[in-house]
């Protein structure tokens, strides 16, 4: 698919120039941050793991007490916007708001808005420099399994990390255990084993996270979900970040010197990348290629 470089968005059933898209000031997404979103990878005009993304978004809306639009409508919005932008490969963001209303009561919200935007894929990710942020993840927060528009803590954590010269932030929970990165799930390779924090410790149940755990079985790699401390990360042979658009990216460093961090840490990746990290990245790319065939 080829065509002119255009920038169109879907909003409530209409495709418009992105700069002309409008959302009511009374929408609960604007007033209270009440919305769920998904950021998806498009490859060869196909959305990778579309069903899992849509299911997670719908589950999040239902957890808010919002009746979600039909899944077919959401899928049509995504595919139509991708096609309208003449992109085969891209990053697609789908947002569904709680709807409009005046009172701070989700029960009064009506007419959820559906918004889709598409962007070209960013440059291939490079190894990431990480820093532990002061922001903490609440492992018992409502809607822990959903991606909601209440994203400010993660933005603040990432801003803090970038102000210190890092690329992304690592967040601990209130018990001091590692939860996730600001925009990715986190894995550590320890003694040849692949370890990621359990959902009980507060990470988002990432779709790429689940794929990596499945791939570990295919590769015959021991993998487990268990609590990770900063001390564990200090001993890691590799630290990996996983997300839908970037895939699997290795960290080159992790620093922690915030006042309330359980451990002061200045971890640097070994010069030699573990074979397991390479095997996982290659297997994940092969998985995308198999799934995204036109």
C-alpha atoms as a PDB file:
ATOM      1  CA  UNK A   1       0.000   0.000   0.000  1.00  0.00           C
ATOM      2  CA  UNK A   2       1.483   3.313  -1.038  1.00  0.00           C
ATOM      3  CA  UNK A   3       0.108   6.799  -1.160  1.00  0.00           C
ATOM      4  CA  UNK A   4       0.519  10.348   0.051  1.00  0.00           C
ATOM      5  CA  UNK A   5       1.817  11.110   3.510  1.00  0.00           C
ATOM      6  CA  UNK A   6      -1.344  12.068   5.390  1.00  0.00           C
ATOM      7  CA  UNK A   7      -2.297  12.283   9.023  1.00  0.00           C
ATOM      8  CA  UNK A   8      -5.886  11.253   9.639  1.00  0.00           C
ATOM      9  CA  UNK A   9      -7.686  10.218  12.812  1.00  0.00           C
ATOM     10  CA  UNK A  10     -10.920   8.393  13.584  1.00  0.00           C
ATOM     11  CA  UNK A  11     -13.282  10.031  16.033  1.00  0.00           C
ATOM     12  CA  UNK A  12     -16.743   8.637  16.648  1.00  0.00           C
ATOM     13  CA  UNK A  13     -17.141   7.047  13.250  1.00  0.00           C
ATOM     14  CA  UNK A  14     -15.649   9.838  11.160  1.00  0.00           C
ATOM     15  CA  UNK A  15     -12.136  10.068   9.729  1.00  0.00           C
ATOM     16  CA  UNK A  16     -10.833  13.627   9.874  1.00  0.00           C
ATOM     17  CA  UNK A  17      -7.458  15.381   9.687  1.00  0.00           C
ATOM     18  CA  UNK A  18      -5.814  14.762  13.025  1.00  0.00           C
ATOM     19  CA  UNK A  19      -5.515  18.445  13.796  1.00  0.00           C
ATOM     20  CA  UNK A  20      -9.263  18.876  13.350  1.00  0.00           C
ATOM     21  CA  UNK A  21     -10.342  16.063  15.683  1.00  0.00           C
ATOM     22  CA  UNK A  22     -12.431  17.387  18.572  1.00  0.00           C
ATOM     23  CA  UNK A  23     -13.516  15.933  21.905  1.00  0.00           C
ATOM     24  CA  UNK A  24     -16.142  17.481  24.169  1.00  0.00           C
ATOM     25  CA  UNK A  25     -14.833  19.346  27.206  1.00  0.00           C
ATOM     26  CA  UNK A  26     -17.472  17.419  29.151  1.00  0.00           C
ATOM     27  CA  UNK A  27     -16.045  14.047  28.182  1.00  0.00           C
ATOM     28  CA  UNK A  28     -14.977  12.102  31.263  1.00  0.00           C
ATOM     29  CA  UNK A  29     -11.558  11.567  29.667  1.00  0.00           C
ATOM     30  CA  UNK A  30     -11.020  15.331  29.811  1.00  0.00           C
ATOM     31  CA  UNK A  31     -12.708  15.961  33.164  1.00  0.00           C
ATOM     32  CA  UNK A  32     -11.489  12.928  35.106  1.00  0.00           C
ATOM     33  CA  UNK A  33      -9.080  10.888  32.990  1.00  0.00           C
ATOM     34  CA  UNK A  34     -11.714   8.162  32.603  1.00  0.00           C
ATOM     35  CA  UNK A  35     -10.705   6.295  29.455  1.00  0.00           C
ATOM     36  CA  UNK A  36      -8.893   3.157  28.393  1.00  0.00           C
ATOM     37  CA  UNK A  37      -6.403   2.936  25.564  1.00  0.00           C
ATOM     38  CA  UNK A  38      -4.279   0.439  23.678  1.00  0.00           C
ATOM     39  CA  UNK A  39      -1.158   1.051  21.620  1.00  0.00           C
ATOM     40  CA  UNK A  40      -0.766  -1.600  18.942  1.00  0.00           C
ATOM     41  CA  UNK A  41       1.813  -2.633  16.373  1.00  0.00           C
ATOM     42  CA  UNK A  42       0.772  -2.732  12.723  1.00  0.00           C
ATOM     43  CA  UNK A  43       2.929  -4.825  10.429  1.00  0.00           C
ATOM     44  CA  UNK A  44       2.108  -5.410   6.756  1.00  0.00           C
ATOM     45  CA  UNK A  45      -1.266  -3.768   7.361  1.00  0.00           C
ATOM     46  CA  UNK A  46      -2.122  -6.294  10.078  1.00  0.00           C
ATOM     47  CA  UNK A  47      -2.524  -5.450  13.771  1.00  0.00           C
ATOM     48  CA  UNK A  48      -0.376  -7.800  15.821  1.00  0.00           C
ATOM     49  CA  UNK A  49      -2.309  -9.369  18.700  1.00  0.00           C
ATOM     50  CA  UNK A  50      -5.415  -7.312  17.856  1.00  0.00           C
ATOM     51  CA  UNK A  51      -7.768  -9.628  19.730  1.00  0.00           C
ATOM     52  CA  UNK A  52      -5.737  -9.467  22.933  1.00  0.00           C
ATOM     53  CA  UNK A  53      -5.521  -5.679  22.789  1.00  0.00           C
ATOM     54  CA  UNK A  54      -9.244  -5.259  22.186  1.00  0.00           C
ATOM     55  CA  UNK A  55     -10.140  -7.756  24.901  1.00  0.00           C
ATOM     56  CA  UNK A  56      -7.981  -5.923  27.451  1.00  0.00           C
ATOM     57  CA  UNK A  57      -9.521  -2.568  26.530  1.00  0.00           C
ATOM     58  CA  UNK A  58     -13.067  -3.933  26.735  1.00  0.00           C
ATOM     59  CA  UNK A  59     -12.339  -5.562  30.106  1.00  0.00           C
ATOM     60  CA  UNK A  60     -11.016  -2.229  31.401  1.00  0.00           C
ATOM     61  CA  UNK A  61     -14.133  -0.358  30.285  1.00  0.00           C
ATOM     62  CA  UNK A  62     -16.402  -2.945  31.873  1.00  0.00           C
ATOM     63  CA  UNK A  63     -14.420  -2.648  35.099  1.00  0.00           C
ATOM     64  CA  UNK A  64     -15.301   1.072  35.022  1.00  0.00           C
ATOM     65  CA  UNK A  65     -18.954   0.191  34.620  1.00  0.00           C
ATOM     66  CA  UNK A  66     -18.948   1.428  31.015  1.00  0.00           C
ATOM     67  CA  UNK A  67     -20.735  -0.525  28.294  1.00  0.00           C
ATOM     68  CA  UNK A  68     -18.039  -0.854  25.614  1.00  0.00           C
ATOM     69  CA  UNK A  69     -18.707  -0.416  21.916  1.00  0.00           C
ATOM     70  CA  UNK A  70     -18.993  -3.709  20.021  1.00  0.00           C
ATOM     71  CA  UNK A  71     -15.600  -5.268  19.352  1.00  0.00           C
ATOM     72  CA  UNK A  72     -16.399  -5.302  15.620  1.00  0.00           C
ATOM     73  CA  UNK A  73     -16.835  -1.531  15.688  1.00  0.00           C
ATOM     74  CA  UNK A  74     -13.498  -1.064  17.418  1.00  0.00           C
ATOM     75  CA  UNK A  75     -11.731  -3.369  14.961  1.00  0.00           C
ATOM     76  CA  UNK A  76     -13.264  -1.474  12.033  1.00  0.00           C
ATOM     77  CA  UNK A  77     -12.137   1.862  13.483  1.00  0.00           C
ATOM     78  CA  UNK A  78      -8.559   0.592  13.794  1.00  0.00           C
ATOM     79  CA  UNK A  79      -8.334  -0.989  10.337  1.00  0.00           C
ATOM     80  CA  UNK A  80     -10.043   1.942   8.621  1.00  0.00           C
ATOM     81  CA  UNK A  81      -7.737   4.512  10.191  1.00  0.00           C
ATOM     82  CA  UNK A  82      -4.630   2.503   9.343  1.00  0.00           C
ATOM     83  CA  UNK A  83      -5.771   2.184   5.722  1.00  0.00           C
ATOM     84  CA  UNK A  84      -6.745   5.862   5.468  1.00  0.00           C
ATOM     85  CA  UNK A  85      -3.217   6.840   6.465  1.00  0.00           C
ATOM     86  CA  UNK A  86      -1.684   4.655   3.751  1.00  0.00           C
ATOM     87  CA  UNK A  87       0.474   2.823   6.276  1.00  0.00           C
ATOM     88  CA  UNK A  88       1.354  -0.841   6.356  1.00  0.00           C
ATOM     89  CA  UNK A  89       3.685  -0.567   9.353  1.00  0.00           C
ATOM     90  CA  UNK A  90       2.860   1.766  12.193  1.00  0.00           C
ATOM     91  CA  UNK A  91       1.906   2.417  15.783  1.00  0.00           C
ATOM     92  CA  UNK A  92      -1.858   2.536  16.268  1.00  0.00           C
ATOM     93  CA  UNK A  93      -3.472   3.988  19.375  1.00  0.00           C
ATOM     94  CA  UNK A  94      -7.101   3.224  20.170  1.00  0.00           C
ATOM     95  CA  UNK A  95      -8.787   5.193  22.974  1.00  0.00           C
ATOM     96  CA  UNK A  96     -12.310   4.716  24.268  1.00  0.00           C
ATOM     97  CA  UNK A  97     -13.581   7.256  26.788  1.00  0.00           C
ATOM     98  CA  UNK A  98     -16.167   6.738  29.499  1.00  0.00           C
ATOM     99  CA  UNK A  99     -18.451   9.213  27.747  1.00  0.00           C
ATOM    100  CA  UNK A 100     -19.843  12.642  28.585  1.00  0.00           C
ATOM    101  CA  UNK A 101     -21.371  14.068  31.722  1.00  0.00           C
ATOM    102  CA  UNK A 102     -21.108  16.825  34.314  1.00  0.00           C
ATOM    103  CA  UNK A 103     -21.233  15.114  37.693  1.00  0.00           C
ATOM    104  CA  UNK A 104     -18.232  13.186  39.046  1.00  0.00           C
ATOM    105  CA  UNK A 105     -20.201   9.957  38.775  1.00  0.00           C
ATOM    106  CA  UNK A 106     -19.366   7.287  36.215  1.00  0.00           C
ATOM    107  CA  UNK A 107     -22.994   6.247  36.274  1.00  0.00           C
ATOM    108  CA  UNK A 108     -23.927   9.524  34.596  1.00  0.00           C
ATOM    109  CA  UNK A 109     -21.477   9.171  31.697  1.00  0.00           C
ATOM    110  CA  UNK A 110     -23.003   8.490  28.296  1.00  0.00           C
ATOM    111  CA  UNK A 111     -21.957   8.103  24.680  1.00  0.00           C
ATOM    112  CA  UNK A 112     -18.337   6.858  24.927  1.00  0.00           C
ATOM    113  CA  UNK A 113     -16.062   8.334  22.275  1.00  0.00           C
ATOM    114  CA  UNK A 114     -13.849   6.130  20.097  1.00  0.00           C
ATOM    115  CA  UNK A 115     -10.600   7.698  18.922  1.00  0.00           C
ATOM    116  CA  UNK A 116      -7.908   6.162  16.725  1.00  0.00           C
ATOM    117  CA  UNK A 117      -4.607   7.729  15.705  1.00  0.00           C
ATOM    118  CA  UNK A 118      -1.793   6.248  13.665  1.00  0.00           C
ATOM    119  CA  UNK A 119       1.892   7.121  13.643  1.00  0.00           C
ATOM    120  CA  UNK A 120       4.865   5.861  11.723  1.00  0.00           C
ATOM    121  CA  UNK A 121       7.001   3.431  13.671  1.00  0.00           C
ATOM    122  CA  UNK A 122       9.797   5.100  15.634  1.00  0.00           C
ATOM    123  CA  UNK A 123      13.395   4.219  14.766  1.00  0.00           C
ATOM    124  CA  UNK A 124      14.447   0.717  15.772  1.00  0.00           C
ATOM    125  CA  UNK A 125      14.919   0.800  19.549  1.00  0.00           C
ATOM    126  CA  UNK A 126      18.420   0.815  20.939  1.00  0.00           C
ATOM    127  CA  UNK A 127      19.591  -0.358  24.325  1.00  0.00           C
ATOM    128  CA  UNK A 128      18.013   1.670  27.102  1.00  0.00           C
ATOM    129  CA  UNK A 129      19.480   3.482  30.091  1.00  0.00           C
ATOM    130  CA  UNK A 130      17.208   3.067  33.103  1.00  0.00           C
ATOM    131  CA  UNK A 131      16.806   4.856  36.403  1.00  0.00           C
ATOM    132  CA  UNK A 132      14.679   4.007  39.407  1.00  0.00           C
ATOM    133  CA  UNK A 133      12.094   6.734  39.946  1.00  0.00           C
ATOM    134  CA  UNK A 134      10.655   8.098  43.179  1.00  0.00           C
ATOM    135  CA  UNK A 135       7.166   7.320  41.863  1.00  0.00           C
ATOM    136  CA  UNK A 136       5.744   4.093  43.261  1.00  0.00           C
ATOM    137  CA  UNK A 137       3.263   1.681  41.693  1.00  0.00           C
ATOM    138  CA  UNK A 138       0.225   0.843  43.796  1.00  0.00           C
ATOM    139  CA  UNK A 139      -0.034  -2.917  43.398  1.00  0.00           C
ATOM    140  CA  UNK A 140      -3.614  -2.861  44.704  1.00  0.00           C
ATOM    141  CA  UNK A 141      -4.871  -0.032  42.511  1.00  0.00           C
ATOM    142  CA  UNK A 142      -8.257  -0.334  40.789  1.00  0.00           C
ATOM    143  CA  UNK A 143      -8.114  -1.406  37.133  1.00  0.00           C
ATOM    144  CA  UNK A 144      -4.560  -2.700  37.536  1.00  0.00           C
ATOM    145  CA  UNK A 145      -5.118  -4.891  34.488  1.00  0.00           C
ATOM    146  CA  UNK A 146      -6.134  -2.028  32.181  1.00  0.00           C
ATOM    147  CA  UNK A 147      -4.282   0.736  30.371  1.00  0.00           C
ATOM    148  CA  UNK A 148      -6.109   3.841  31.521  1.00  0.00           C
ATOM    149  CA  UNK A 149      -5.757   7.507  30.664  1.00  0.00           C
ATOM    150  CA  UNK A 150      -4.694   8.174  34.251  1.00  0.00           C
ATOM    151  CA  UNK A 151      -1.090   7.930  33.103  1.00  0.00           C
ATOM    152  CA  UNK A 152       0.422  10.934  34.888  1.00  0.00           C
ATOM    153  CA  UNK A 153       2.485   8.942  37.433  1.00  0.00           C
ATOM    154  CA  UNK A 154       4.257   7.146  34.591  1.00  0.00           C
ATOM    155  CA  UNK A 155       4.853  10.397  32.718  1.00  0.00           C
ATOM    156  CA  UNK A 156       6.331  11.966  35.852  1.00  0.00           C
ATOM    157  CA  UNK A 157       8.548   8.938  36.455  1.00  0.00           C
ATOM    158  CA  UNK A 158       9.822   9.045  32.890  1.00  0.00           C
ATOM    159  CA  UNK A 159      10.419  12.790  33.070  1.00  0.00           C
ATOM    160  CA  UNK A 160      12.416  12.267  36.255  1.00  0.00           C
ATOM    161  CA  UNK A 161      14.509   9.571  34.597  1.00  0.00           C
ATOM    162  CA  UNK A 162      15.163  11.672  31.519  1.00  0.00           C
ATOM    163  CA  UNK A 163      16.163  14.673  33.619  1.00  0.00           C
ATOM    164  CA  UNK A 164      18.845  12.413  35.093  1.00  0.00           C
ATOM    165  CA  UNK A 165      20.103  11.361  31.652  1.00  0.00           C
ATOM    166  CA  UNK A 166      18.240   8.038  31.382  1.00  0.00           C
ATOM    167  CA  UNK A 167      15.805   6.864  28.717  1.00  0.00           C
ATOM    168  CA  UNK A 168      13.126   5.302  30.879  1.00  0.00           C
ATOM    169  CA  UNK A 169      12.163   4.813  34.507  1.00  0.00           C
ATOM    170  CA  UNK A 170      11.885   1.680  36.595  1.00  0.00           C
ATOM    171  CA  UNK A 171       9.096   1.812  39.174  1.00  0.00           C
ATOM    172  CA  UNK A 172       8.982  -0.063  42.458  1.00  0.00           C
ATOM    173  CA  UNK A 173       5.810  -0.833  44.380  1.00  0.00           C
ATOM    174  CA  UNK A 174       5.220   0.386  47.908  1.00  0.00           C
ATOM    175  CA  UNK A 175       6.836  -2.762  49.314  1.00  0.00           C
ATOM    176  CA  UNK A 176      10.050  -1.919  47.458  1.00  0.00           C
ATOM    177  CA  UNK A 177       9.748  -4.703  44.868  1.00  0.00           C
ATOM    178  CA  UNK A 178      10.338  -4.031  41.183  1.00  0.00           C
ATOM    179  CA  UNK A 179       7.049  -3.603  39.295  1.00  0.00           C
ATOM    180  CA  UNK A 180       7.690  -2.364  35.754  1.00  0.00           C
ATOM    181  CA  UNK A 181       9.191   0.360  33.608  1.00  0.00           C
ATOM    182  CA  UNK A 182       7.241   3.506  32.839  1.00  0.00           C
ATOM    183  CA  UNK A 183       6.308   2.330  29.355  1.00  0.00           C
ATOM    184  CA  UNK A 184       7.211  -1.360  29.364  1.00  0.00           C
ATOM    185  CA  UNK A 185       7.263  -4.564  31.331  1.00  0.00           C
ATOM    186  CA  UNK A 186      10.580  -5.699  32.749  1.00  0.00           C
ATOM    187  CA  UNK A 187      12.415  -9.024  32.684  1.00  0.00           C
ATOM    188  CA  UNK A 188      15.739  -9.999  34.226  1.00  0.00           C
ATOM    189  CA  UNK A 189      18.006 -12.857  33.217  1.00  0.00           C
ATOM    190  CA  UNK A 190      19.362 -14.413  36.405  1.00  0.00           C
ATOM    191  CA  UNK A 191      21.481 -17.546  36.299  1.00  0.00           C
ATOM    192  CA  UNK A 192      20.197 -18.317  32.817  1.00  0.00           C
ATOM    193  CA  UNK A 193      16.578 -18.040  34.015  1.00  0.00           C
ATOM    194  CA  UNK A 194      14.073 -15.484  32.765  1.00  0.00           C
ATOM    195  CA  UNK A 195      12.317 -13.711  35.632  1.00  0.00           C
ATOM    196  CA  UNK A 196       9.571 -11.078  35.592  1.00  0.00           C
ATOM    197  CA  UNK A 197       7.558  -9.528  38.446  1.00  0.00           C
ATOM    198  CA  UNK A 198       4.232 -11.259  39.137  1.00  0.00           C
ATOM    199  CA  UNK A 199       1.035  -9.344  38.503  1.00  0.00           C
ATOM    200  CA  UNK A 200       0.486  -9.209  42.265  1.00  0.00           C
ATOM    201  CA  UNK A 201       3.472  -6.830  42.466  1.00  0.00           C
ATOM    202  CA  UNK A 202       1.750  -4.266  40.258  1.00  0.00           C
ATOM    203  CA  UNK A 203       2.898  -4.504  36.635  1.00  0.00           C
ATOM    204  CA  UNK A 204       0.467  -4.152  33.774  1.00  0.00           C
ATOM    205  CA  UNK A 205      -0.376  -7.587  32.322  1.00  0.00           C
ATOM    206  CA  UNK A 206       1.427  -6.732  29.103  1.00  0.00           C
ATOM    207  CA  UNK A 207       0.598  -8.551  25.905  1.00  0.00           C
ATOM    208  CA  UNK A 208       4.245  -8.728  24.859  1.00  0.00           C
ATOM    209  CA  UNK A 209       5.081  -9.878  28.387  1.00  0.00           C
ATOM    210  CA  UNK A 210       2.734 -12.837  27.906  1.00  0.00           C
ATOM    211  CA  UNK A 211       4.265 -13.601  24.502  1.00  0.00           C
ATOM    212  CA  UNK A 212       7.771 -13.628  25.970  1.00  0.00           C
ATOM    213  CA  UNK A 213       6.696 -16.056  28.687  1.00  0.00           C
ATOM    214  CA  UNK A 214       5.200 -18.295  25.999  1.00  0.00           C
ATOM    215  CA  UNK A 215       8.360 -18.055  23.905  1.00  0.00           C
ATOM    216  CA  UNK A 216      10.451 -19.132  26.869  1.00  0.00           C
ATOM    217  CA  UNK A 217       8.527 -22.411  26.858  1.00  0.00           C
ATOM    218  CA  UNK A 218       9.125 -22.853  23.119  1.00  0.00           C
ATOM    219  CA  UNK A 219      12.836 -22.181  23.591  1.00  0.00           C
ATOM    220  CA  UNK A 220      13.107 -24.494  26.585  1.00  0.00           C
ATOM    221  CA  UNK A 221      14.202 -21.609  28.810  1.00  0.00           C
ATOM    222  CA  UNK A 222      13.359 -21.700  32.533  1.00  0.00           C
ATOM    223  CA  UNK A 223      11.046 -18.756  33.242  1.00  0.00           C
ATOM    224  CA  UNK A 224       9.184 -17.640  36.299  1.00  0.00           C
ATOM    225  CA  UNK A 225       7.042 -14.847  37.658  1.00  0.00           C
ATOM    226  CA  UNK A 226       8.395 -13.873  41.068  1.00  0.00           C
ATOM    227  CA  UNK A 227       9.190 -10.754  43.031  1.00  0.00           C
ATOM    228  CA  UNK A 228      12.359  -8.955  42.001  1.00  0.00           C
ATOM    229  CA  UNK A 229      14.357  -6.701  44.289  1.00  0.00           C
ATOM    230  CA  UNK A 230      16.877  -4.087  43.247  1.00  0.00           C
ATOM    231  CA  UNK A 231      19.453  -6.502  44.630  1.00  0.00           C
ATOM    232  CA  UNK A 232      18.272  -9.059  42.078  1.00  0.00           C
ATOM    233  CA  UNK A 233      18.678  -6.528  39.288  1.00  0.00           C
ATOM    234  CA  UNK A 234      22.180  -5.716  40.541  1.00  0.00           C
ATOM    235  CA  UNK A 235      23.075  -9.358  39.848  1.00  0.00           C
ATOM    236  CA  UNK A 236      21.274  -9.631  36.497  1.00  0.00           C
ATOM    237  CA  UNK A 237      23.044 -10.904  33.409  1.00  0.00           C
ATOM    238  CA  UNK A 238      20.605  -8.801  31.375  1.00  0.00           C
ATOM    239  CA  UNK A 239      17.595  -6.560  31.933  1.00  0.00           C
ATOM    240  CA  UNK A 240      14.994  -6.562  29.162  1.00  0.00           C
ATOM    241  CA  UNK A 241      12.061  -4.259  28.475  1.00  0.00           C
ATOM    242  CA  UNK A 242       9.040  -5.494  26.537  1.00  0.00           C
ATOM    243  CA  UNK A 243       6.257  -3.507  24.867  1.00  0.00           C
ATOM    244  CA  UNK A 244       3.950  -3.877  21.893  1.00  0.00           C
ATOM    245  CA  UNK A 245       5.615  -1.374  19.567  1.00  0.00           C
ATOM    246  CA  UNK A 246       9.274  -1.694  20.598  1.00  0.00           C
ATOM    247  CA  UNK A 247       9.258  -5.445  21.180  1.00  0.00           C
ATOM    248  CA  UNK A 248      12.181  -6.675  23.298  1.00  0.00           C
ATOM    249  CA  UNK A 249      14.882  -4.127  24.121  1.00  0.00           C
ATOM    250  CA  UNK A 250      17.908  -4.667  26.335  1.00  0.00           C
ATOM    251  CA  UNK A 251      18.965  -2.188  28.985  1.00  0.00           C
ATOM    252  CA  UNK A 252      22.583  -1.032  29.122  1.00  0.00           C
ATOM    253  CA  UNK A 253      22.408   0.511  32.586  1.00  0.00           C
ATOM    254  CA  UNK A 254      20.248   0.929  35.673  1.00  0.00           C
ATOM    255  CA  UNK A 255      20.901   3.482  38.390  1.00  0.00           C
ATOM    256  CA  UNK A 256      19.113   3.902  41.701  1.00  0.00           C
ATOM    257  CA  UNK A 257      20.046   6.599  44.162  1.00  0.00           C
ATOM    258  CA  UNK A 258      16.717   8.115  45.137  1.00  0.00           C
ATOM    259  CA  UNK A 259      16.430   8.644  48.903  1.00  0.00           C
ATOM    260  CA  UNK A 260      13.809   5.947  49.522  1.00  0.00           C
ATOM    261  CA  UNK A 261      15.201   3.279  47.177  1.00  0.00           C
ATOM    262  CA  UNK A 262      15.952   0.104  49.163  1.00  0.00           C
ATOM    263  CA  UNK A 263      19.360  -0.254  47.483  1.00  0.00           C
ATOM    264  CA  UNK A 264      21.799   2.167  45.870  1.00  0.00           C
ATOM    265  CA  UNK A 265      22.545   0.668  42.491  1.00  0.00           C
ATOM    266  CA  UNK A 266      24.753   1.335  39.488  1.00  0.00           C
ATOM    267  CA  UNK A 267      24.262  -1.696  37.245  1.00  0.00           C
ATOM    268  CA  UNK A 268      25.937  -1.944  33.844  1.00  0.00           C
ATOM    269  CA  UNK A 269      25.168  -4.591  31.253  1.00  0.00           C
ATOM    270  CA  UNK A 270      27.942  -7.125  30.585  1.00  0.00           C
ATOM    271  CA  UNK A 271      29.857  -6.544  27.381  1.00  0.00           C
ATOM    272  CA  UNK A 272      28.672  -9.854  26.031  1.00  0.00           C
ATOM    273  CA  UNK A 273      24.912 -10.034  25.536  1.00  0.00           C
ATOM    274  CA  UNK A 274      23.490 -13.331  26.854  1.00  0.00           C
ATOM    275  CA  UNK A 275      22.489 -15.694  24.084  1.00  0.00           C
ATOM    276  CA  UNK A 276      19.070 -16.004  25.695  1.00  0.00           C
ATOM    277  CA  UNK A 277      18.354 -12.306  25.104  1.00  0.00           C
ATOM    278  CA  UNK A 278      19.260 -12.637  21.422  1.00  0.00           C
ATOM    279  CA  UNK A 279      17.244 -15.834  21.017  1.00  0.00           C
ATOM    280  CA  UNK A 280      14.171 -14.236  22.564  1.00  0.00           C
ATOM    281  CA  UNK A 281      14.385 -11.156  20.334  1.00  0.00           C
ATOM    282  CA  UNK A 282      14.773 -13.279  17.204  1.00  0.00           C
ATOM    283  CA  UNK A 283      11.925 -15.598  18.198  1.00  0.00           C
ATOM    284  CA  UNK A 284       9.654 -12.657  18.933  1.00  0.00           C
ATOM    285  CA  UNK A 285      10.339 -11.067  15.550  1.00  0.00           C
ATOM    286  CA  UNK A 286       9.632 -14.403  13.859  1.00  0.00           C
ATOM    287  CA  UNK A 287       6.346 -14.595  15.773  1.00  0.00           C
ATOM    288  CA  UNK A 288       5.315 -11.182  14.429  1.00  0.00           C
ATOM    289  CA  UNK A 289       6.240 -12.125  10.883  1.00  0.00           C
ATOM    290  CA  UNK A 290       4.175 -15.322  11.052  1.00  0.00           C
ATOM    291  CA  UNK A 291       1.148 -13.538  12.506  1.00  0.00           C
ATOM    292  CA  UNK A 292       1.209 -10.473  10.224  1.00  0.00           C
ATOM    293  CA  UNK A 293       0.926 -12.049   6.820  1.00  0.00           C
ATOM    294  CA  UNK A 294      -1.381 -10.272   4.395  1.00  0.00           C
END
